[in-house]
Amino acid sequence: MGIQQSGLIDDQARHIVLETAFRVACADGTIESEEKQKLQAVAKALGINEGVLELEIDTFQRQPDRSVGATPRASGLNTAGGM
């Protein structure tokens, strides 16, 4: 049973956890394969649709400046609806 299913944390907390993990993975300017797998595992455990995460990763990877401050959509990770 995932965290969402057990009702242990609300949507805002789920959002914060995934956003934090995403920012850590982006910190060096790239998302390695192992980091992507771990992000997918976090999203799955939180009950967040993998498509949401994939969109954020694709957007980040297309940015010319991939520094930590250059993750404008990281705060846009939306855990509401369709998850």
C-alpha atoms as a PDB file:
ATOM      1  CA  MET A   1       0.000   0.000   0.000  1.00  0.00           C
ATOM      2  CA  GLY A   2       1.412   3.391  -1.022  1.00  0.00           C
ATOM      3  CA  ILE A   3       1.592   6.390   1.243  1.00  0.00           C
ATOM      4  CA  GLN A   4      -1.361   8.046  -0.481  1.00  0.00           C
ATOM      5  CA  GLN A   5      -3.538   4.982  -0.069  1.00  0.00           C
ATOM      6  CA  SER A   6      -2.791   4.732   3.616  1.00  0.00           C
ATOM      7  CA  GLY A   7      -3.859   8.350   4.119  1.00  0.00           C
ATOM      8  CA  LEU A   8      -0.765   9.192   6.146  1.00  0.00           C
ATOM      9  CA  ILE A   9       0.025  12.451   4.328  1.00  0.00           C
ATOM     10  CA  ASP A  10      -2.033  15.024   2.461  1.00  0.00           C
ATOM     11  CA  ASP A  11      -1.585  16.331  -1.087  1.00  0.00           C
ATOM     12  CA  GLN A  12       0.564  19.259   0.012  1.00  0.00           C
ATOM     13  CA  ALA A  13       2.990  16.972   1.852  1.00  0.00           C
ATOM     14  CA  ARG A  14       3.145  14.612  -1.140  1.00  0.00           C
ATOM     15  CA  HIS A  15       3.909  17.620  -3.352  1.00  0.00           C
ATOM     16  CA  ILE A  16       6.705  18.777  -1.045  1.00  0.00           C
ATOM     17  CA  VAL A  17       8.304  15.323  -0.884  1.00  0.00           C
ATOM     18  CA  LEU A  18       8.360  14.861  -4.672  1.00  0.00           C
ATOM     19  CA  GLU A  19       9.457  18.451  -5.340  1.00  0.00           C
ATOM     20  CA  THR A  20      12.320  18.073  -2.871  1.00  0.00           C
ATOM     21  CA  ALA A  21      13.447  14.799  -4.438  1.00  0.00           C
ATOM     22  CA  PHE A  22      13.207  16.386  -7.898  1.00  0.00           C
ATOM     23  CA  ARG A  23      15.329  19.365  -6.863  1.00  0.00           C
ATOM     24  CA  VAL A  24      17.976  17.080  -5.356  1.00  0.00           C
ATOM     25  CA  ALA A  25      18.113  15.049  -8.573  1.00  0.00           C
ATOM     26  CA  CYS A  26      18.468  18.273 -10.624  1.00  0.00           C
ATOM     27  CA  ALA A  27      21.103  19.827  -8.375  1.00  0.00           C
ATOM     28  CA  ASP A  28      24.069  18.907 -10.563  1.00  0.00           C
ATOM     29  CA  GLY A  29      22.343  20.026 -13.762  1.00  0.00           C
ATOM     30  CA  THR A  30      21.451  16.570 -15.023  1.00  0.00           C
ATOM     31  CA  ILE A  31      19.172  13.709 -14.056  1.00  0.00           C
ATOM     32  CA  GLU A  32      21.014  10.411 -14.278  1.00  0.00           C
ATOM     33  CA  SER A  33      19.249   7.131 -15.028  1.00  0.00           C
ATOM     34  CA  GLU A  34      19.517   5.975 -11.404  1.00  0.00           C
ATOM     35  CA  GLU A  35      18.103   9.295 -10.172  1.00  0.00           C
ATOM     36  CA  LYS A  36      15.196   9.005 -12.596  1.00  0.00           C
ATOM     37  CA  GLN A  37      14.434   5.502 -11.327  1.00  0.00           C
ATOM     38  CA  LYS A  38      14.464   6.737  -7.745  1.00  0.00           C
ATOM     39  CA  LEU A  39      12.191   9.661  -8.621  1.00  0.00           C
ATOM     40  CA  GLN A  40       9.791   7.219 -10.283  1.00  0.00           C
ATOM     41  CA  ALA A  41       9.803   5.074  -7.145  1.00  0.00           C
ATOM     42  CA  VAL A  42       9.079   8.113  -4.961  1.00  0.00           C
ATOM     43  CA  ALA A  43       6.234   9.208  -7.246  1.00  0.00           C
ATOM     44  CA  LYS A  44       4.774   5.698  -7.240  1.00  0.00           C
ATOM     45  CA  ALA A  45       4.994   5.427  -3.443  1.00  0.00           C
ATOM     46  CA  LEU A  46       3.212   8.771  -3.176  1.00  0.00           C
ATOM     47  CA  GLY A  47       0.522   7.737  -5.643  1.00  0.00           C
ATOM     48  CA  ILE A  48       1.525  10.404  -8.161  1.00  0.00           C
ATOM     49  CA  ASN A  49       1.019   9.644 -11.838  1.00  0.00           C
ATOM     50  CA  GLU A  50       4.328   8.850 -13.542  1.00  0.00           C
ATOM     51  CA  GLY A  51       3.318  11.038 -16.496  1.00  0.00           C
ATOM     52  CA  VAL A  52       3.467  14.132 -14.277  1.00  0.00           C
ATOM     53  CA  LEU A  53       7.030  13.314 -13.294  1.00  0.00           C
ATOM     54  CA  GLU A  54       8.049  12.490 -16.887  1.00  0.00           C
ATOM     55  CA  LEU A  55       6.754  15.862 -18.068  1.00  0.00           C
ATOM     56  CA  GLU A  56       8.788  17.663 -15.399  1.00  0.00           C
ATOM     57  CA  ILE A  57      11.942  15.683 -16.239  1.00  0.00           C
ATOM     58  CA  ASP A  58      11.532  16.339 -19.973  1.00  0.00           C
ATOM     59  CA  THR A  59      10.983  20.052 -19.350  1.00  0.00           C
ATOM     60  CA  PHE A  60      14.057  20.259 -17.133  1.00  0.00           C
ATOM     61  CA  GLN A  61      16.245  18.406 -19.635  1.00  0.00           C
ATOM     62  CA  ARG A  62      15.264  20.799 -22.437  1.00  0.00           C
ATOM     63  CA  GLN A  63      16.393  23.867 -20.474  1.00  0.00           C
ATOM     64  CA  PRO A  64      19.667  25.433 -21.618  1.00  0.00           C
ATOM     65  CA  ASP A  65      20.547  26.463 -18.036  1.00  0.00           C
ATOM     66  CA  ARG A  66      20.064  23.430 -15.817  1.00  0.00           C
ATOM     67  CA  SER A  67      21.270  24.849 -12.514  1.00  0.00           C
ATOM     68  CA  VAL A  68      19.268  24.381  -9.305  1.00  0.00           C
ATOM     69  CA  GLY A  69      17.693  27.801  -9.667  1.00  0.00           C
ATOM     70  CA  ALA A  70      16.670  26.952 -13.218  1.00  0.00           C
ATOM     71  CA  THR A  71      13.950  24.487 -12.251  1.00  0.00           C
ATOM     72  CA  PRO A  72      10.924  26.774 -12.543  1.00  0.00           C
ATOM     73  CA  ARG A  73       8.467  23.958 -13.025  1.00  0.00           C
ATOM     74  CA  ALA A  74       9.750  21.970 -10.062  1.00  0.00           C
ATOM     75  CA  SER A  75       7.433  23.993  -7.884  1.00  0.00           C
ATOM     76  CA  GLY A  76       4.721  23.217 -10.434  1.00  0.00           C
ATOM     77  CA  LEU A  77       4.742  19.502  -9.716  1.00  0.00           C
ATOM     78  CA  ASN A  78       1.045  19.000  -9.247  1.00  0.00           C
ATOM     79  CA  THR A  79      -0.203  16.087  -7.235  1.00  0.00           C
ATOM     80  CA  ALA A  80      -3.861  17.016  -7.626  1.00  0.00           C
ATOM     81  CA  GLY A  81      -6.139  15.411 -10.163  1.00  0.00           C
ATOM     82  CA  GLY A  82      -5.517  12.319 -12.262  1.00  0.00           C
ATOM     83  CA  MET A  83      -3.245  10.716  -9.743  1.00  0.00           C
END
